[in-house]
PDB file of N, CA and C in Angstrom:
ATOM      1  N   MET A   1      62.024 102.511  77.551  1.00  0.00           N
ATOM      2  CA  MET A   1      63.284 102.082  78.147  1.00  0.00           C
ATOM      3  C   MET A   1      62.987 101.058  79.281  1.00  0.00           C
ATOM      4  N   ASP A   2      63.561  99.955  79.209  1.00  0.00           N
ATOM      5  CA  ASP A   2      63.244  98.894  80.111  1.00  0.00           C
ATOM      6  C   ASP A   2      64.187  99.079  81.327  1.00  0.00           C
ATOM      7  N   LEU A   3      63.842  98.419  82.457  1.00  0.00           N
ATOM      8  CA  LEU A   3      64.488  98.484  83.746  1.00  0.00           C
ATOM      9  C   LEU A   3      65.976  98.174  83.719  1.00  0.00           C
ATOM     10  N   ILE A   4      66.334  97.094  82.955  1.00  0.00           N
ATOM     11  CA  ILE A   4      67.655  96.657  82.776  1.00  0.00           C
ATOM     12  C   ILE A   4      68.653  97.682  82.019  1.00  0.00           C
ATOM     13  N   LEU A   5      68.070  98.301  81.041  1.00  0.00           N
ATOM     14  CA  LEU A   5      68.732  99.289  80.308  1.00  0.00           C
ATOM     15  C   LEU A   5      68.980 100.529  81.160  1.00  0.00           C
ATOM     16  N   LEU A   6      67.978 100.899  81.953  1.00  0.00           N
ATOM     17  CA  LEU A   6      68.153 102.043  82.844  1.00  0.00           C
ATOM     18  C   LEU A   6      69.202 101.777  83.907  1.00  0.00           C
ATOM     19  N   GLN A   7      69.253 100.586  84.439  1.00  0.00           N
ATOM     20  CA  GLN A   7      70.135 100.272  85.396  1.00  0.00           C
ATOM     21  C   GLN A   7      71.571 100.297  84.830  1.00  0.00           C
ATOM     22  N   SER A   8      71.732  99.745  83.659  1.00  0.00           N
ATOM     23  CA  SER A   8      73.057  99.755  82.938  1.00  0.00           C
ATOM     24  C   SER A   8      73.430 101.171  82.623  1.00  0.00           C
ATOM     25  N   PHE A   9      72.482 101.976  82.149  1.00  0.00           N
ATOM     26  CA  PHE A   9      72.856 103.432  81.959  1.00  0.00           C
ATOM     27  C   PHE A   9      73.333 104.189  83.187  1.00  0.00           C
ATOM     28  N   LEU A  10      72.656 103.970  84.281  1.00  0.00           N
ATOM     29  CA  LEU A  10      73.160 104.607  85.511  1.00  0.00           C
ATOM     30  C   LEU A  10      74.346 104.136  86.122  1.00  0.00           C
ATOM     31  N   LEU A  11      74.561 102.837  85.956  1.00  0.00           N
ATOM     32  CA  LEU A  11      75.856 102.257  86.401  1.00  0.00           C
ATOM     33  C   LEU A  11      77.089 102.825  85.534  1.00  0.00           C
ATOM     34  N   TRP A  12      76.873 102.980  84.221  1.00  0.00           N
ATOM     35  CA  TRP A  12      77.996 103.459  83.388  1.00  0.00           C
ATOM     36  C   TRP A  12      78.174 104.987  83.632  1.00  0.00           C
ATOM     37  N   CYS A  13      77.048 105.660  83.919  1.00  0.00           N
ATOM     38  CA  CYS A  13      77.223 107.094  84.270  1.00  0.00           C
ATOM     39  C   CYS A  13      77.999 107.294  85.562  1.00  0.00           C
ATOM     40  N   SER A  14      77.670 106.463  86.524  1.00  0.00           N
ATOM     41  CA  SER A  14      78.403 106.481  87.781  1.00  0.00           C
ATOM     42  C   SER A  14      79.910 106.219  87.511  1.00  0.00           C
ATOM     43  N   LEU A  15      80.185 105.107  86.911  1.00  0.00           N
ATOM     44  CA  LEU A  15      81.570 104.720  86.662  1.00  0.00           C
ATOM     45  C   LEU A  15      82.300 105.854  86.019  1.00  0.00           C
ATOM     46  N   ILE A  16      81.787 106.361  84.887  1.00  0.00           N
ATOM     47  CA  ILE A  16      82.444 107.428  84.166  1.00  0.00           C
ATOM     48  C   ILE A  16      82.645 108.620  85.015  1.00  0.00           C
ATOM     49  N   ASN A  17      81.655 109.043  85.777  1.00  0.00           N
ATOM     50  CA  ASN A  17      81.666 110.317  86.568  1.00  0.00           C
ATOM     51  C   ASN A  17      82.702 110.100  87.663  1.00  0.00           C
ATOM     52  N   ILE A  18      82.690 108.907  88.288  1.00  0.00           N
ATOM     53  CA  ILE A  18      83.683 108.626  89.449  1.00  0.00           C
ATOM     54  C   ILE A  18      85.094 108.667  88.800  1.00  0.00           C
ATOM     55  N   SER A  19      85.252 108.142  87.633  1.00  0.00           N
ATOM     56  CA  SER A  19      86.586 108.098  86.970  1.00  0.00           C
ATOM     57  C   SER A  19      87.053 109.493  86.695  1.00  0.00           C
ATOM     58  N   ILE A  20      86.170 110.334  86.249  1.00  0.00           N
ATOM     59  CA  ILE A  20      86.548 111.757  86.026  1.00  0.00           C
ATOM     60  C   ILE A  20      86.906 112.490  87.359  1.00  0.00           C
ATOM     61  N   LEU A  21      86.296 112.212  88.437  1.00  0.00           N
ATOM     62  CA  LEU A  21      86.643 112.686  89.762  1.00  0.00           C
ATOM     63  C   LEU A  21      88.051 112.192  90.162  1.00  0.00           C
ATOM     64  N   LEU A  22      88.324 110.910  89.930  1.00  0.00           N
ATOM     65  CA  LEU A  22      89.592 110.342  90.295  1.00  0.00           C
ATOM     66  C   LEU A  22      90.702 110.977  89.511  1.00  0.00           C
ATOM     67  N   ILE A  23      90.444 111.124  88.225  1.00  0.00           N
ATOM     68  CA  ILE A  23      91.516 111.812  87.409  1.00  0.00           C
ATOM     69  C   ILE A  23      91.729 113.141  87.863  1.00  0.00           C
ATOM     70  N   TRP A  24      90.606 113.946  88.090  1.00  0.00           N
ATOM     71  CA  TRP A  24      90.793 115.231  88.514  1.00  0.00           C
ATOM     72  C   TRP A  24      91.573 115.365  89.834  1.00  0.00           C
ATOM     73  N   PHE A  25      91.268 114.495  90.829  1.00  0.00           N
ATOM     74  CA  PHE A  25      91.982 114.498  92.002  1.00  0.00           C
ATOM     75  C   PHE A  25      93.442 114.137  91.847  1.00  0.00           C
ATOM     76  N   ALA A  26      93.772 113.208  90.936  1.00  0.00           N
ATOM     77  CA  ALA A  26      95.207 112.697  90.638  1.00  0.00           C
ATOM     78  C   ALA A  26      95.912 113.781  90.082  1.00  0.00           C
ATOM     79  N   MET A  27      95.286 114.505  89.055  1.00  0.00           N
ATOM     80  CA  MET A  27      95.995 115.631  88.494  1.00  0.00           C
ATOM     81  C   MET A  27      96.192 116.795  89.491  1.00  0.00           C
ATOM     82  N   PHE A  28      95.253 117.077  90.355  1.00  0.00           N
ATOM     83  CA  PHE A  28      95.398 118.031  91.380  1.00  0.00           C
ATOM     84  C   PHE A  28      96.518 117.708  92.338  1.00  0.00           C
ATOM     85  N   VAL A  29      96.708 116.506  92.584  1.00  0.00           N
ATOM     86  CA  VAL A  29      97.761 116.110  93.545  1.00  0.00           C
ATOM     87  C   VAL A  29      99.070 116.108  92.886  1.00  0.00           C
ATOM     88  N   VAL A  30      99.126 115.512  91.715  1.00  0.00           N
ATOM     89  CA  VAL A  30     100.512 115.410  90.929  1.00  0.00           C
ATOM     90  C   VAL A  30     101.019 116.647  90.293  1.00  0.00           C
ATOM     91  N   ALA A  31     100.036 117.466  89.700  1.00  0.00           N
ATOM     92  CA  ALA A  31     100.508 118.620  88.888  1.00  0.00           C
ATOM     93  C   ALA A  31      99.853 119.916  89.585  1.00  0.00           C
ATOM     94  N   TYR A  32      99.989 120.028  90.881  1.00  0.00           N
ATOM     95  CA  TYR A  32      99.372 121.041  91.566  1.00  0.00           C
ATOM     96  C   TYR A  32      99.795 122.482  91.095  1.00  0.00           C
ATOM     97  N   GLU A  33     101.189 122.589  91.156  1.00  0.00           N
ATOM     98  CA  GLU A  33     101.918 123.879  90.808  1.00  0.00           C
ATOM     99  C   GLU A  33     101.545 124.214  89.388  1.00  0.00           C
ATOM    100  N   SER A  34     101.604 123.339  88.465  1.00  0.00           N
ATOM    101  CA  SER A  34     101.290 123.586  87.020  1.00  0.00           C
ATOM    102  C   SER A  34      99.898 124.135  86.871  1.00  0.00           C
ATOM    103  N   ILE A  35      98.981 123.441  87.516  1.00  0.00           N
ATOM    104  CA  ILE A  35      97.542 123.814  87.382  1.00  0.00           C
ATOM    105  C   ILE A  35      97.287 125.152  88.012  1.00  0.00           C
ATOM    106  N   TYR A  36      97.878 125.392  89.235  1.00  0.00           N
ATOM    107  CA  TYR A  36      97.812 126.681  89.886  1.00  0.00           C
ATOM    108  C   TYR A  36      98.357 127.834  88.975  1.00  0.00           C
ATOM    109  N   ASN A  37      99.487 127.555  88.484  1.00  0.00           N
ATOM    110  CA  ASN A  37     100.142 128.704  87.719  1.00  0.00           C
ATOM    111  C   ASN A  37      99.250 129.009  86.484  1.00  0.00           C
ATOM    112  N   LEU A  38      98.679 127.932  85.823  1.00  0.00           N
ATOM    113  CA  LEU A  38      97.903 128.171  84.688  1.00  0.00           C
ATOM    114  C   LEU A  38      96.587 129.006  85.021  1.00  0.00           C
ATOM    115  N   HIS A  39      95.932 128.600  86.115  1.00  0.00           N
ATOM    116  CA  HIS A  39      94.804 129.384  86.489  1.00  0.00           C
ATOM    117  C   HIS A  39      95.193 130.843  87.083  1.00  0.00           C
ATOM    118  N   ASN A  40      96.296 130.879  87.698  1.00  0.00           N
ATOM    119  CA  ASN A  40      96.729 132.220  88.287  1.00  0.00           C
ATOM    120  C   ASN A  40      97.107 133.214  87.199  1.00  0.00           C
ATOM    121  N   ARG A  41      97.469 132.762  85.982  1.00  0.00           N
ATOM    122  CA  ARG A  41      97.742 133.599  84.922  1.00  0.00           C
ATOM    123  C   ARG A  41      96.450 134.368  84.506  1.00  0.00           C
ATOM    124  N   TRP A  42      95.232 133.553  84.530  1.00  0.00           N
ATOM    125  CA  TRP A  42      93.964 134.081  84.090  1.00  0.00           C
ATOM    126  C   TRP A  42      93.322 134.868  85.158  1.00  0.00           C
ATOM    127  N   PHE A  43      93.391 134.425  86.445  1.00  0.00           N
ATOM    128  CA  PHE A  43      92.456 134.934  87.508  1.00  0.00           C
ATOM    129  C   PHE A  43      93.119 135.633  88.698  1.00  0.00           C
ATOM    130  N   LYS A  44      94.394 135.443  88.837  1.00  0.00           N
ATOM    131  CA  LYS A  44      95.067 136.093  89.935  1.00  0.00           C
ATOM    132  C   LYS A  44      94.534 135.741  91.233  1.00  0.00           C
ATOM    133  N   ILE A  45      94.532 134.438  91.581  1.00  0.00           N
ATOM    134  CA  ILE A  45      93.925 134.011  92.876  1.00  0.00           C
ATOM    135  C   ILE A  45      95.013 133.425  93.789  1.00  0.00           C
ATOM    136  N   SER A  46      94.627 133.431  95.051  1.00  0.00           N
ATOM    137  CA  SER A  46      95.669 132.900  95.993  1.00  0.00           C
ATOM    138  C   SER A  46      95.545 131.433  96.141  1.00  0.00           C
ATOM    139  N   TYR A  47      96.607 130.853  96.764  1.00  0.00           N
ATOM    140  CA  TYR A  47      96.599 129.332  96.980  1.00  0.00           C
ATOM    141  C   TYR A  47      95.304 128.899  97.774  1.00  0.00           C
ATOM    142  N   GLU A  48      94.951 129.677  98.760  1.00  0.00           N
ATOM    143  CA  GLU A  48      93.801 129.258  99.573  1.00  0.00           C
ATOM    144  C   GLU A  48      92.555 129.301  98.792  1.00  0.00           C
ATOM    145  N   THR A  49      92.337 130.308  98.021  1.00  0.00           N
ATOM    146  CA  THR A  49      91.199 130.420  97.143  1.00  0.00           C
ATOM    147  C   THR A  49      91.144 129.348  96.045  1.00  0.00           C
ATOM    148  N   PHE A  50      92.255 129.021  95.465  1.00  0.00           N
ATOM    149  CA  PHE A  50      92.359 127.984  94.525  1.00  0.00           C
ATOM    150  C   PHE A  50      91.994 126.592  95.131  1.00  0.00           C
ATOM    151  N   ASP A  51      92.591 126.358  96.393  1.00  0.00           N
ATOM    152  CA  ASP A  51      92.303 125.050  96.985  1.00  0.00           C
ATOM    153  C   ASP A  51      90.791 125.038  97.323  1.00  0.00           C
ATOM    154  N   SER A  52      90.282 126.015  97.926  1.00  0.00           N
ATOM    155  CA  SER A  52      88.837 125.950  98.292  1.00  0.00           C
ATOM    156  C   SER A  52      87.891 125.784  97.090  1.00  0.00           C
ATOM    157  N   ILE A  53      88.268 126.483  95.980  1.00  0.00           N
ATOM    158  CA  ILE A  53      87.436 126.302  94.695  1.00  0.00           C
ATOM    159  C   ILE A  53      87.441 124.808  94.263  1.00  0.00           C
ATOM    160  N   HIS A  54      88.673 124.253  94.291  1.00  0.00           N
ATOM    161  CA  HIS A  54      88.751 122.895  93.709  1.00  0.00           C
ATOM    162  C   HIS A  54      88.119 121.930  94.783  1.00  0.00           C
ATOM    163  N   TYR A  55      88.346 122.134  96.084  1.00  0.00           N
ATOM    164  CA  TYR A  55      87.879 121.183  97.049  1.00  0.00           C
ATOM    165  C   TYR A  55      86.302 121.307  97.035  1.00  0.00           C
ATOM    166  N   GLY A  56      85.701 122.519  96.913  1.00  0.00           N
ATOM    167  CA  GLY A  56      84.358 122.643  96.816  1.00  0.00           C
ATOM    168  C   GLY A  56      83.681 122.036  95.527  1.00  0.00           C
ATOM    169  N   ALA A  57      84.359 122.211  94.469  1.00  0.00           N
ATOM    170  CA  ALA A  57      83.889 121.699  93.189  1.00  0.00           C
ATOM    171  C   ALA A  57      83.916 120.182  93.224  1.00  0.00           C
ATOM    172  N   MET A  58      85.016 119.551  93.733  1.00  0.00           N
ATOM    173  CA  MET A  58      85.165 118.119  93.857  1.00  0.00           C
ATOM    174  C   MET A  58      83.988 117.656  94.765  1.00  0.00           C
ATOM    175  N   GLY A  59      83.670 118.262  95.858  1.00  0.00           N
ATOM    176  CA  GLY A  59      82.628 117.791  96.620  1.00  0.00           C
ATOM    177  C   GLY A  59      81.381 117.880  96.139  1.00  0.00           C
ATOM    178  N   PHE A  60      81.162 118.985  95.356  1.00  0.00           N
ATOM    179  CA  PHE A  60      79.852 119.128  94.690  1.00  0.00           C
ATOM    180  C   PHE A  60      79.731 117.988  93.593  1.00  0.00           C
ATOM    181  N   TRP A  61      80.691 117.814  92.851  1.00  0.00           N
ATOM    182  CA  TRP A  61      80.691 116.747  91.798  1.00  0.00           C
ATOM    183  C   TRP A  61      80.406 115.372  92.517  1.00  0.00           C
ATOM    184  N   LYS A  62      81.074 115.046  93.631  1.00  0.00           N
ATOM    185  CA  LYS A  62      80.868 113.789  94.304  1.00  0.00           C
ATOM    186  C   LYS A  62      79.448 113.689  94.765  1.00  0.00           C
ATOM    187  N   LEU A  63      78.844 114.693  95.257  1.00  0.00           N
ATOM    188  CA  LEU A  63      77.427 114.650  95.753  1.00  0.00           C
ATOM    189  C   LEU A  63      76.555 114.585  94.634  1.00  0.00           C
ATOM    190  N   THR A  64      76.627 115.215  93.532  1.00  0.00           N
ATOM    191  CA  THR A  64      75.784 115.166  92.354  1.00  0.00           C
ATOM    192  C   THR A  64      75.826 113.701  91.788  1.00  0.00           C
ATOM    193  N   VAL A  65      77.097 113.177  91.696  1.00  0.00           N
ATOM    194  CA  VAL A  65      77.157 111.738  91.267  1.00  0.00           C
ATOM    195  C   VAL A  65      76.380 110.832  92.205  1.00  0.00           C
ATOM    196  N   PHE A  66      76.633 111.041  93.387  1.00  0.00           N
ATOM    197  CA  PHE A  66      75.925 110.137  94.427  1.00  0.00           C
ATOM    198  C   PHE A  66      74.458 110.228  94.293  1.00  0.00           C
ATOM    199  N   PHE A  67      73.889 111.535  94.327  1.00  0.00           N
ATOM    200  CA  PHE A  67      72.353 111.726  94.270  1.00  0.00           C
ATOM    201  C   PHE A  67      71.753 111.412  92.867  1.00  0.00           C
ATOM    202  N   PHE A  68      72.442 111.705  91.807  1.00  0.00           N
ATOM    203  CA  PHE A  68      71.727 111.616  90.515  1.00  0.00           C
ATOM    204  C   PHE A  68      72.131 110.316  89.763  1.00  0.00           C
ATOM    205  N   ASN A  69      73.158 109.563  90.261  1.00  0.00           N
ATOM    206  CA  ASN A  69      73.496 108.373  89.573  1.00  0.00           C
ATOM    207  C   ASN A  69      73.520 107.088  90.494  1.00  0.00           C
ATOM    208  N   LEU A  70      74.147 107.166  91.498  1.00  0.00           N
ATOM    209  CA  LEU A  70      74.250 106.011  92.354  1.00  0.00           C
ATOM    210  C   LEU A  70      72.954 105.728  93.143  1.00  0.00           C
ATOM    211  N   VAL A  71      72.377 106.624  93.784  1.00  0.00           N
ATOM    212  CA  VAL A  71      71.165 106.451  94.451  1.00  0.00           C
ATOM    213  C   VAL A  71      69.878 105.855  93.510  1.00  0.00           C
ATOM    214  N   PRO A  72      69.797 106.499  92.421  1.00  0.00           N
ATOM    215  CA  PRO A  72      68.811 105.815  91.479  1.00  0.00           C
ATOM    216  C   PRO A  72      69.177 104.444  91.039  1.00  0.00           C
ATOM    217  N   TYR A  73      70.377 104.213  90.876  1.00  0.00           N
ATOM    218  CA  TYR A  73      70.930 102.837  90.441  1.00  0.00           C
ATOM    219  C   TYR A  73      70.534 101.929  91.574  1.00  0.00           C
ATOM    220  N   ILE A  74      70.890 102.254  92.866  1.00  0.00           N
ATOM    221  CA  ILE A  74      70.591 101.323  93.971  1.00  0.00           C
ATOM    222  C   ILE A  74      69.128 101.097  94.142  1.00  0.00           C
ATOM    223  N   VAL A  75      68.346 102.123  94.033  1.00  0.00           N
ATOM    224  CA  VAL A  75      66.909 102.004  94.190  1.00  0.00           C
ATOM    225  C   VAL A  75      66.406 101.086  93.088  1.00  0.00           C
ATOM    226  N   LEU A  76      66.827 101.226  91.814  1.00  0.00           N
ATOM    227  CA  LEU A  76      66.331 100.247  90.765  1.00  0.00           C
ATOM    228  C   LEU A  76      66.870  98.866  91.082  1.00  0.00           C
ATOM    229  N   ARG A  77      67.992  98.701  91.523  1.00  0.00           N
ATOM    230  CA  ARG A  77      68.477  97.296  91.915  1.00  0.00           C
ATOM    231  C   ARG A  77      67.602  96.735  93.090  1.00  0.00           C
ATOM    232  N   ILE A  78      67.141  97.509  93.949  1.00  0.00           N
ATOM    233  CA  ILE A  78      66.351  97.214  95.084  1.00  0.00           C
ATOM    234  C   ILE A  78      64.875  96.686  94.629  1.00  0.00           C
ATOM    235  N   ILE A  79      64.304  97.493  93.732  1.00  0.00           N
ATOM    236  CA  ILE A  79      62.952  97.274  93.284  1.00  0.00           C
ATOM    237  C   ILE A  79      62.892  96.139  92.189  1.00  0.00           C
ATOM    238  N   ALA A  80      64.023  95.809  91.622  1.00  0.00           N
ATOM    239  CA  ALA A  80      63.934  94.799  90.452  1.00  0.00           C
ATOM    240  C   ALA A  80      63.835  93.469  90.949  1.00  0.00           C
TER     241      ALA A  80
END
């Protein structure tokens, strides 16, 4: 795998993962009650717990995208 292909791969991975995060956030803002009611049927959780689970998961997603996609992409751009 050459350097250009790897850079392209990491860039597309970053864009797709950030798009997933933005869609997740938009759905969380727009359809909050529907999503909460769906999850509450299965797990019987409070609003606070539901919010903290989603907030933590979005933060974890963002950090993993940053460290495993964006940082390697930037490093490869610097050394190329």
